[in-house]
Structure formats: structure tokens, C-alpha cells
Amino acid sequence: MTSFKAQILQGIPNSLPAKKQRGQVSHAPKRKDILNTQEKQLALRNALRYFPESWHKELSVDFAEELQTYGRIYMYRFMPEYKMYARAIAEYPAKSVQAAAIMVMIQNNLDPAVAQHPEELITYGGNGAVFQNWAQYLLTMRYLSEMTDEQTLVMYSGHPMGLFPSSKNAPRVVVTNGMVIPNYSKKSDLEKFNALGVSQYGQMTAGSYMYIGPQGIVHGTTITVLNAFRKINKNPKGKIFLTSGLGGMSGAQPKAGNISECITICAEVNIKAIETRHSQNWVDEVIDDTEKLVERVKNAQKNKEIVSIAYHGNIVDVWESFYKNNITVDIGSDQTSLHNPWSGGYYPVGYSFDEANKLIYENPKKFKSEVKISLKRHV
């Protein structure tokens, strides 16, 4: 197998890799079919531009299948063979230490222990992307390995525009994401541009490579929870903090609750997100039945425990179950990705995670309607 350094230096491989199966990680939901026939052809041309013309016949079939199956072209066959994680800075092939540091940041963003949907290059928030596809990743890492301290890499929505002469005092990388004309900036426009492979939503720290996981927000979340209890003049011991979301930064919530010394219940529909946070010790216990949850919470209240519980299911079911069982919620919150409510940022009550994901692309109008109903019940 080619060494890690050699693969970085190579960028796009010299020979066409075999097709790859997706791994056992959390995957982005299939996006709704938003492109017409001509636009799908354009999406394919945009994807093929990274590769030799001799590969186009085979890759066009491959990428058309991805676009049909997932609503996006991720280029799974170009996922690196090496394990994705942030290595020691000296392990990266680089002429510039600053460039090597940026490679560390990129690989941390895409580490399966950190990223929400690592194989779709999505770090957090449902659609906060580092790159749009794996070709962009490979090219960017190669450019960073070649860069000197008198060059700047210019990035647009995951696409490396190239290395440009600059100075030692200039930024090593200039990044922008999702820059579109305001008249064409509706959610449907941005989804279309993403499907076309021309623009992406990089969020605050995904597309700029600065995401560091729940630990990046645990301090602010803790201060928020503590101040919320102060505002209602309650000692956190034995009191309830009910919220939802464990996928990205929201994973900080149960840890913040423990530091604040309350009882934290955090609902999450994606079992893979729960398993990740539980294995990383961000949450203490996992329960998937509302009756068991009610019993557990009442015992925790009685004993004034400091405990965090992940509920596998919809937050609306928890609120309504607590109401029926006379459990008072002292602090209510939410950290689902409500900037992206119609495409997997928020899930409707009454549907399993898989059922809801299917509804996103099979009947997006119904999905949107069900989310609106759930949001009203939630509030």
C-alpha cells in the first residue's frame, strides 16, 4: 500500500481506484431530487473536470448513480485508503509548517470520531461541509503539501482555485463558502447549487477547517445552563434540563449538564450519534423507552443525582410523556440543526430515523409539513 505521505503528495491517483462500499458510519440523508435533466448533466460535467478524459466514461456512470442514489456526487471511490485523523504535524509532507497545520485541521474535521457524516465530508449541522467531494479533498491536501511560505491557496466552496504568489505575512489559505447573489440565495437555490457541485454550506467552522467537536462549545453551554438555573432561582441538584441533539456541537449538552450538577435528558433520533457520544463519555446512560425514562428520571430527582441520559427517539415524545407523568422540566432547550429543517436538520415525531430520511427524498412536501406539525407540538 502506498504510504500516507506519498498519497498526500500524489493528490488525484495516477490510476482509477476501484469503486468503494460506504462504511459503517453515520451517513447524510439522501437529498431530494432537485435537478432537471440538463442540470444533472451539468452536475456530472462539474464532477468530471477533476479527472483525465480517459476516465470520464466509467466515472460518468459512477457519478450519475451517486447523484440518483444520494442526491449528491460525493465520489466515494476516491476516499483515501489511510485512516482519517489528525496526525502529529511532523508526519505531514509539507514545505510550510503553516500549511501542515491546516492539513491537521482538515483531517480532524473529517475524523469519524468528530465528523457527523464523515464519508459525505460533512462535519456538523446536517450540511456543514469541509469539501463537496473527495477529489477536492485530495487536491487541497496536495496543494498544501507543495505550498511555500510565500504562497496562498484560494478556496471556493471546497474547490481549490490554485496556489498564488503572496508573502510570508499573507494568509496561507483564503476560504469562502456559499457566496451567491442574494436574489438566488433561497434554501432551494442553495440546495440546487450544492447538487450541481458549485457551492456548499461550510457553516462557521466546517468549511474553514476549525471545528473541534463538542469540546469547542462545552464551556459556553455550561455557562448558559448555570445562568439559566440562576435566572429561575433554582439549585441545579435534582432539577431537569431537557434538550435534544447529540450529533455535532450538541454533544456538549449532557457534559455541560453534568458540570452544572443537574439531571440532563437529551433526545436524539440517530442511534449512531448516541453511540458515538456514549462511547466518548459525553453522555452517561442510554434509554429508548419513555416509560423507562420517566421511571429513571423520577429516581434521579428523588436522589438528586448528577446524571446525563440520552433518549433514543424524538424530543416531542419526551416533553409530552413528562407532561402526562407530572414531571416538571426546569430548563428546556434544543440544539438540532434548525437552519436546515427540511433536509435532515430536524426530524418529525411519529417517524423512525430511517422512515424520516426516506420521506425527505420520496415526498419532501410531506416531510416539510410533518416537521412544521412537530415544531408546533415541540414549542
Protein backbone atom coordinates (compact mmCIF):
# COMPACT_ATOMS: atom_id res chain seq x y z
CA MET A 1 0.00 0.00 0.00
CA THR A 2 1.26 3.49 -0.85
CA SER A 3 2.43 5.41 2.23
CA PHE A 4 0.38 8.18 3.79
CA LYS A 5 2.87 10.87 2.71
CA ALA A 6 3.04 9.54 -0.85
CA GLN A 7 -0.78 9.58 -1.14
CA ILE A 8 -0.92 13.19 0.08
CA LEU A 9 1.76 14.26 -2.39
CA GLN A 10 0.02 12.49 -5.25
CA GLY A 11 -3.41 14.08 -4.87
CA ILE A 12 -5.62 12.52 -7.55
CA PRO A 13 -4.23 8.98 -8.04
CA ASN A 14 -2.48 8.03 -11.28
CA SER A 15 -4.75 5.03 -11.86
CA LEU A 16 -8.51 4.88 -11.41
CA PRO A 17 -9.38 3.37 -8.00
CA ALA A 18 -11.98 0.62 -7.73
CA LYS A 19 -15.46 1.51 -6.51
CA LYS A 20 -15.78 1.51 -2.70
CA GLN A 21 -18.62 0.47 -0.41
CA ARG A 22 -19.74 3.01 2.17
CA GLY A 23 -18.51 2.32 5.70
CA GLN A 24 -20.40 1.65 8.93
CA VAL A 25 -20.59 5.29 9.97
CA SER A 26 -23.37 7.87 10.18
CA HIS A 27 -24.35 8.91 6.67
CA ALA A 28 -26.09 12.03 5.40
CA PRO A 29 -29.72 11.50 4.38
CA LYS A 30 -30.49 11.18 0.70
CA ARG A 31 -31.15 14.67 -0.60
CA LYS A 32 -34.32 15.41 -2.54
CA ASP A 33 -34.27 15.21 -6.34
CA ILE A 34 -33.94 18.91 -7.15
CA LEU A 35 -32.20 18.96 -10.58
CA ASN A 36 -33.77 18.64 -14.02
CA THR A 37 -32.17 16.52 -16.75
CA GLN A 38 -29.98 19.33 -18.13
CA GLU A 39 -28.84 20.31 -14.63
CA LYS A 40 -27.91 16.71 -13.84
CA GLN A 41 -25.74 16.65 -16.95
CA LEU A 42 -24.10 19.87 -15.75
CA ALA A 43 -23.50 18.33 -12.29
CA LEU A 44 -21.73 15.41 -14.00
CA ARG A 45 -19.57 17.74 -16.10
CA ASN A 46 -18.67 19.70 -12.98
CA ALA A 47 -17.61 16.49 -11.24
CA LEU A 48 -15.65 15.09 -14.19
CA ARG A 49 -13.50 18.23 -14.56
CA TYR A 50 -11.13 16.94 -11.87
CA PHE A 51 -10.16 13.80 -13.82
CA PRO A 52 -8.42 12.69 -17.03
CA GLU A 53 -10.74 12.42 -20.02
CA SER A 54 -9.91 8.70 -20.36
CA TRP A 55 -11.71 8.11 -17.03
CA HIS A 56 -14.86 10.04 -17.93
CA LYS A 57 -16.85 7.17 -19.45
CA GLU A 58 -16.58 4.99 -16.33
CA LEU A 59 -16.83 7.84 -13.83
CA SER A 60 -19.87 9.39 -15.51
CA VAL A 61 -21.81 6.17 -14.85
CA ASP A 62 -20.50 6.03 -11.28
CA PHE A 63 -21.28 9.67 -10.50
CA ALA A 64 -24.71 9.53 -12.16
CA GLU A 65 -25.53 6.60 -9.89
CA GLU A 66 -24.41 8.57 -6.81
CA LEU A 67 -26.48 11.57 -7.85
CA GLN A 68 -29.53 9.36 -8.34
CA THR A 69 -29.00 7.38 -5.12
CA TYR A 70 -27.88 10.13 -2.72
CA GLY A 71 -28.85 13.41 -4.39
CA ARG A 72 -25.18 14.49 -4.44
CA ILE A 73 -21.91 13.40 -6.04
CA TYR A 74 -19.51 12.55 -3.20
CA MET A 75 -17.01 10.46 -5.24
CA TYR A 76 -16.82 7.63 -2.70
CA ARG A 77 -14.31 5.67 -4.80
CA PHE A 78 -11.73 8.43 -4.11
CA MET A 79 -11.98 8.19 -0.32
CA PRO A 80 -8.40 7.75 0.99
CA GLU A 81 -7.16 4.30 1.97
CA TYR A 82 -5.46 5.67 5.08
CA LYS A 83 -7.25 6.24 8.38
CA MET A 84 -8.63 9.73 8.76
CA TYR A 85 -7.47 11.55 11.92
CA ALA A 86 -5.28 14.49 12.90
CA ARG A 87 -1.66 13.32 12.98
CA ALA A 88 1.34 14.97 14.61
CA ILE A 89 2.31 17.96 12.48
CA ALA A 90 5.72 16.46 11.58
CA GLU A 91 4.01 13.48 9.90
CA TYR A 92 2.67 15.62 7.05
CA PRO A 93 4.68 16.18 3.88
CA ALA A 94 4.94 19.97 3.74
CA LYS A 95 7.31 22.80 2.82
CA SER A 96 5.40 25.15 5.15
CA VAL A 97 4.62 24.42 8.81
CA GLN A 98 1.54 26.63 8.48
CA ALA A 99 0.31 24.50 5.58
CA ALA A 100 0.93 21.33 7.61
CA ALA A 101 -1.13 22.83 10.44
CA ILE A 102 -4.02 23.35 8.03
CA MET A 103 -3.76 19.68 6.96
CA VAL A 104 -4.04 18.72 10.64
CA MET A 105 -7.20 20.81 10.92
CA ILE A 106 -8.77 19.31 7.78
CA GLN A 107 -8.15 15.73 8.89
CA ASN A 108 -9.52 16.48 12.36
CA ASN A 109 -12.68 17.87 10.75
CA LEU A 110 -13.14 14.62 8.80
CA ASP A 111 -12.19 12.19 11.57
CA PRO A 112 -15.15 9.76 12.06
CA ALA A 113 -14.84 10.38 15.82
CA VAL A 114 -15.50 14.07 15.15
CA ALA A 115 -17.47 14.46 11.91
CA GLN A 116 -21.24 13.98 11.76
CA HIS A 117 -21.24 12.36 8.29
CA PRO A 118 -17.53 11.74 7.57
CA GLU A 119 -17.86 9.94 4.23
CA GLU A 120 -20.01 12.78 2.85
CA LEU A 121 -17.37 15.28 4.15
CA ILE A 122 -19.97 16.85 6.47
CA THR A 123 -18.63 17.86 9.85
CA TYR A 124 -21.74 19.09 11.69
CA GLY A 125 -25.12 20.75 11.40
CA GLY A 126 -26.53 18.33 8.84
CA ASN A 127 -24.90 20.09 5.89
CA GLY A 128 -21.80 21.86 7.23
CA ALA A 129 -19.28 20.60 4.67
CA VAL A 130 -15.48 20.70 4.54
CA PHE A 131 -15.50 19.83 0.83
CA GLN A 132 -18.19 18.86 -1.65
CA ASN A 133 -16.41 15.72 -2.79
CA TRP A 134 -13.28 13.61 -2.24
CA ALA A 135 -11.48 14.94 -5.32
CA GLN A 136 -11.48 18.38 -3.74
CA TYR A 137 -10.01 16.92 -0.55
CA LEU A 138 -7.23 15.13 -2.43
CA LEU A 139 -6.30 18.19 -4.49
CA THR A 140 -6.36 20.53 -1.50
CA MET A 141 -4.09 18.28 0.54
CA ARG A 142 -1.68 18.04 -2.41
CA TYR A 143 -1.61 21.84 -2.83
CA LEU A 144 -0.92 22.24 0.90
CA SER A 145 1.96 19.77 0.67
CA GLU A 146 3.52 21.82 -2.17
CA MET A 147 2.90 25.27 -0.68
CA THR A 148 5.74 27.52 0.47
CA ASP A 149 5.54 30.37 2.99
CA GLU A 150 5.27 32.77 0.06
CA GLN A 151 2.13 31.30 -1.48
CA THR A 152 -1.60 31.42 -0.73
CA LEU A 153 -4.16 28.73 -1.58
CA VAL A 154 -7.54 30.17 -2.63
CA MET A 155 -10.61 28.04 -1.87
CA TYR A 156 -14.21 28.44 -3.01
CA SER A 157 -16.84 26.12 -1.52
CA GLY A 158 -14.41 23.22 -1.23
CA HIS A 159 -12.93 23.83 -4.70
CA PRO A 160 -9.20 24.70 -4.73
CA MET A 161 -8.73 27.56 -7.20
CA GLY A 162 -4.95 27.15 -7.06
CA LEU A 163 -1.76 28.40 -5.41
CA PHE A 164 -0.96 32.08 -5.89
CA PRO A 165 2.21 34.06 -5.13
CA SER A 166 1.91 36.06 -1.90
CA SER A 167 4.19 36.83 1.05
CA LYS A 168 5.15 35.38 4.41
CA ASN A 169 2.77 37.84 6.08
CA ALA A 170 -0.20 36.85 3.89
CA PRO A 171 -2.71 34.13 4.85
CA ARG A 172 -1.67 30.66 3.70
CA VAL A 173 -5.29 29.90 2.77
CA VAL A 174 -8.18 32.19 1.86
CA VAL A 175 -11.54 30.41 2.14
CA THR A 176 -15.08 31.34 1.21
CA ASN A 177 -18.20 29.16 1.14
CA GLY A 178 -21.71 29.57 -0.24
CA MET A 179 -21.14 33.01 -1.77
CA VAL A 180 -24.14 33.60 -4.04
CA ILE A 181 -26.08 36.58 -5.36
CA PRO A 182 -28.81 37.44 -2.78
CA ASN A 183 -31.60 37.06 -5.37
CA TYR A 184 -30.54 33.40 -5.72
CA SER A 185 -29.98 32.56 -2.06
CA LYS A 186 -33.21 30.79 -1.07
CA LYS A 187 -32.76 27.38 0.58
CA SER A 188 -33.92 25.71 -2.63
CA ASP A 189 -31.31 27.69 -4.60
CA LEU A 190 -28.52 26.68 -2.23
CA GLU A 191 -29.59 23.03 -2.38
CA LYS A 192 -29.55 23.18 -6.18
CA PHE A 193 -26.07 24.77 -6.27
CA ASN A 194 -24.81 22.12 -3.85
CA ALA A 195 -26.25 19.33 -6.01
CA LEU A 196 -24.62 20.94 -9.07
CA GLY A 197 -21.28 20.89 -7.26
CA VAL A 198 -20.69 24.65 -7.46
CA SER A 199 -21.42 25.91 -3.94
CA GLN A 200 -21.59 24.49 -0.44
CA TYR A 201 -22.70 25.49 3.04
CA GLY A 202 -19.50 25.50 5.11
CA GLN A 203 -21.11 26.63 8.38
CA MET A 204 -18.83 28.61 10.70
CA THR A 205 -16.04 26.11 11.34
CA ALA A 206 -16.54 23.15 8.96
CA GLY A 207 -15.66 24.81 5.67
CA SER A 208 -12.89 26.80 7.35
CA TYR A 209 -11.40 23.63 8.94
CA MET A 210 -11.67 24.96 12.51
CA TYR A 211 -14.21 22.58 14.06
CA ILE A 212 -13.04 20.80 17.21
CA GLY A 213 -16.18 18.92 18.25
CA PRO A 214 -18.32 19.25 21.37
CA GLN A 215 -15.34 20.42 23.44
CA GLY A 216 -15.40 23.65 21.42
CA ILE A 217 -18.73 24.65 22.93
CA VAL A 218 -18.92 22.80 26.27
CA HIS A 219 -17.75 25.85 28.25
CA GLY A 220 -20.36 28.18 26.71
CA THR A 221 -23.10 25.58 27.11
CA THR A 222 -22.17 25.06 30.78
CA ILE A 223 -22.28 28.80 31.48
CA THR A 224 -25.66 29.02 29.71
CA VAL A 225 -27.13 26.17 31.77
CA LEU A 226 -25.76 27.55 35.05
CA ASN A 227 -27.08 31.04 34.32
CA ALA A 228 -30.47 29.61 33.34
CA PHE A 229 -30.75 27.96 36.77
CA ARG A 230 -29.63 31.21 38.44
CA LYS A 231 -32.27 33.13 36.50
CA ILE A 232 -35.06 30.89 37.81
CA ASN A 233 -33.51 30.87 41.32
CA LYS A 234 -33.09 27.10 41.48
CA ASN A 235 -30.26 24.91 42.71
CA PRO A 236 -29.45 22.53 39.80
CA LYS A 237 -29.29 19.45 42.08
CA GLY A 238 -32.24 17.22 41.29
CA LYS A 239 -33.55 19.64 38.64
CA ILE A 240 -34.19 18.81 34.98
CA PHE A 241 -32.51 20.15 31.86
CA LEU A 242 -34.35 18.72 28.82
CA THR A 243 -32.97 19.23 25.33
CA SER A 244 -32.28 17.49 22.02
CA GLY A 245 -29.42 16.87 19.60
CA LEU A 246 -26.23 14.87 20.07
CA GLY A 247 -24.81 14.92 16.55
CA GLY A 248 -22.19 17.68 16.44
CA MET A 249 -21.65 20.53 18.86
CA SER A 250 -24.89 19.49 20.55
CA GLY A 251 -22.92 16.57 22.02
CA ALA A 252 -21.63 19.08 24.58
CA GLN A 253 -25.05 19.41 26.23
CA PRO A 254 -25.01 16.34 28.50
CA LYS A 255 -21.46 17.08 29.66
CA ALA A 256 -22.44 20.67 30.38
CA GLY A 257 -25.39 19.37 32.38
CA ASN A 258 -23.10 17.13 34.44
CA ILE A 259 -20.72 20.00 35.15
CA SER A 260 -23.73 22.11 36.17
CA GLU A 261 -24.80 19.22 38.50
CA CYS A 262 -28.34 18.75 37.18
CA ILE A 263 -30.27 15.89 35.53
CA THR A 264 -29.86 16.15 31.76
CA ILE A 265 -32.07 14.38 29.25
CA CYS A 266 -31.00 14.77 25.63
CA ALA A 267 -33.18 13.27 22.88
CA GLU A 268 -31.56 12.15 19.61
CA VAL A 269 -33.15 10.25 16.70
CA ASN A 270 -29.88 8.98 15.22
CA ILE A 271 -28.62 5.95 17.19
CA LYS A 272 -25.14 6.27 15.65
CA ALA A 273 -24.80 9.76 17.12
CA ILE A 274 -25.85 8.41 20.53
CA GLU A 275 -23.40 5.52 20.33
CA THR A 276 -20.58 7.90 19.44
CA ARG A 277 -21.28 10.30 22.32
CA HIS A 278 -21.81 7.45 24.78
CA SER A 279 -18.54 5.76 23.80
CA GLN A 280 -16.73 9.11 24.14
CA ASN A 281 -18.20 9.63 27.65
CA TRP A 282 -20.12 12.74 26.68
CA VAL A 283 -23.32 11.14 27.99
CA ASP A 284 -23.75 8.67 30.89
CA GLU A 285 -26.74 6.47 30.02
CA VAL A 286 -28.89 5.49 27.03
CA ILE A 287 -32.66 4.77 27.20
CA ASP A 288 -35.04 4.12 24.30
CA ASP A 289 -38.39 3.76 26.11
CA THR A 290 -40.38 6.70 27.54
CA GLU A 291 -41.80 4.65 30.44
CA LYS A 292 -38.30 3.59 31.49
CA LEU A 293 -37.14 7.17 31.05
CA VAL A 294 -39.89 8.51 33.30
CA GLU A 295 -39.03 5.96 36.00
CA ARG A 296 -35.30 6.69 35.73
CA VAL A 297 -35.79 10.46 35.90
CA LYS A 298 -38.10 10.25 38.93
CA ASN A 299 -35.46 8.20 40.78
CA ALA A 300 -32.78 10.70 39.79
CA GLN A 301 -34.95 13.55 41.09
CA LYS A 302 -35.56 11.72 44.36
CA ASN A 303 -31.85 11.07 44.90
CA LYS A 304 -30.72 14.43 43.48
CA GLU A 305 -28.38 12.67 41.08
CA ILE A 306 -25.96 14.29 38.69
CA VAL A 307 -26.59 12.27 35.55
CA SER A 308 -26.97 12.69 31.80
CA ILE A 309 -29.29 10.46 29.80
CA ALA A 310 -29.53 10.08 26.02
CA TYR A 311 -33.05 9.21 24.90
CA HIS A 312 -33.13 7.45 21.54
CA GLY A 313 -36.21 8.95 19.99
CA ASN A 314 -37.99 12.21 19.32
CA ILE A 315 -37.84 15.10 21.77
CA VAL A 316 -41.59 15.78 21.35
CA ASP A 317 -42.39 12.33 22.81
CA VAL A 318 -40.29 13.18 25.88
CA TRP A 319 -41.96 16.53 26.51
CA GLU A 320 -45.44 15.03 26.19
CA SER A 321 -44.55 11.99 28.31
CA PHE A 322 -43.13 14.16 31.09
CA TYR A 323 -46.26 16.32 31.00
CA LYS A 324 -48.55 13.28 31.36
CA ASN A 325 -46.46 11.97 34.25
CA ASN A 326 -46.28 15.28 36.14
CA ILE A 327 -42.52 15.68 35.70
CA THR A 328 -41.63 19.37 35.72
CA VAL A 329 -38.95 20.48 33.30
CA ASP A 330 -36.91 23.29 34.85
CA ILE A 331 -34.91 24.25 31.76
CA GLY A 332 -35.90 23.41 28.18
CA SER A 333 -33.58 23.83 25.24
CA ASP A 334 -32.83 22.46 21.76
CA GLN A 335 -29.74 22.11 19.62
CA THR A 336 -30.97 20.44 16.46
CA SER A 337 -29.90 21.95 13.12
CA LEU A 338 -32.90 24.19 12.54
CA HIS A 339 -31.10 26.22 9.90
CA ASN A 340 -31.67 23.08 7.79
CA PRO A 341 -35.15 21.89 8.83
CA TRP A 342 -36.34 20.38 5.55
CA SER A 343 -33.30 18.21 4.81
CA GLY A 344 -32.41 16.34 7.99
CA GLY A 345 -31.66 19.14 10.44
CA TYR A 346 -34.88 18.41 12.37
CA TYR A 347 -36.90 15.18 12.37
CA PRO A 348 -40.68 14.89 12.71
CA VAL A 349 -42.34 13.00 15.56
CA GLY A 350 -44.05 9.71 14.68
CA TYR A 351 -41.36 8.57 12.25
CA SER A 352 -38.26 6.47 12.83
CA PHE A 353 -34.94 7.95 11.70
CA ASP A 354 -34.89 5.73 8.60
CA GLU A 355 -38.55 6.42 7.76
CA ALA A 356 -37.98 10.17 8.01
CA ASN A 357 -34.86 10.02 5.85
CA LYS A 358 -36.82 8.12 3.22
CA LEU A 359 -39.57 10.75 3.33
CA ILE A 360 -37.03 13.55 2.67
CA TYR A 361 -36.45 12.42 -0.90
CA GLU A 362 -39.64 10.44 -1.65
CA ASN A 363 -42.08 13.10 -0.50
CA PRO A 364 -40.26 16.31 0.53
CA LYS A 365 -43.53 18.28 0.75
CA LYS A 366 -44.96 15.83 3.29
CA PHE A 367 -41.67 15.84 5.22
CA LYS A 368 -41.81 19.63 5.45
CA SER A 369 -45.45 19.51 6.57
CA GLU A 370 -44.69 16.88 9.25
CA VAL A 371 -41.74 18.93 10.55
CA LYS A 372 -43.96 22.00 10.88
CA ILE A 373 -46.53 19.99 12.86
CA SER A 374 -43.78 18.61 15.12
CA LEU A 375 -42.27 22.04 15.71
CA LYS A 376 -45.62 23.35 16.89
CA ARG A 377 -46.03 20.40 19.27
CA HIS A 378 -42.45 20.85 20.42
CA VAL A 379 -42.96 24.53 21.24
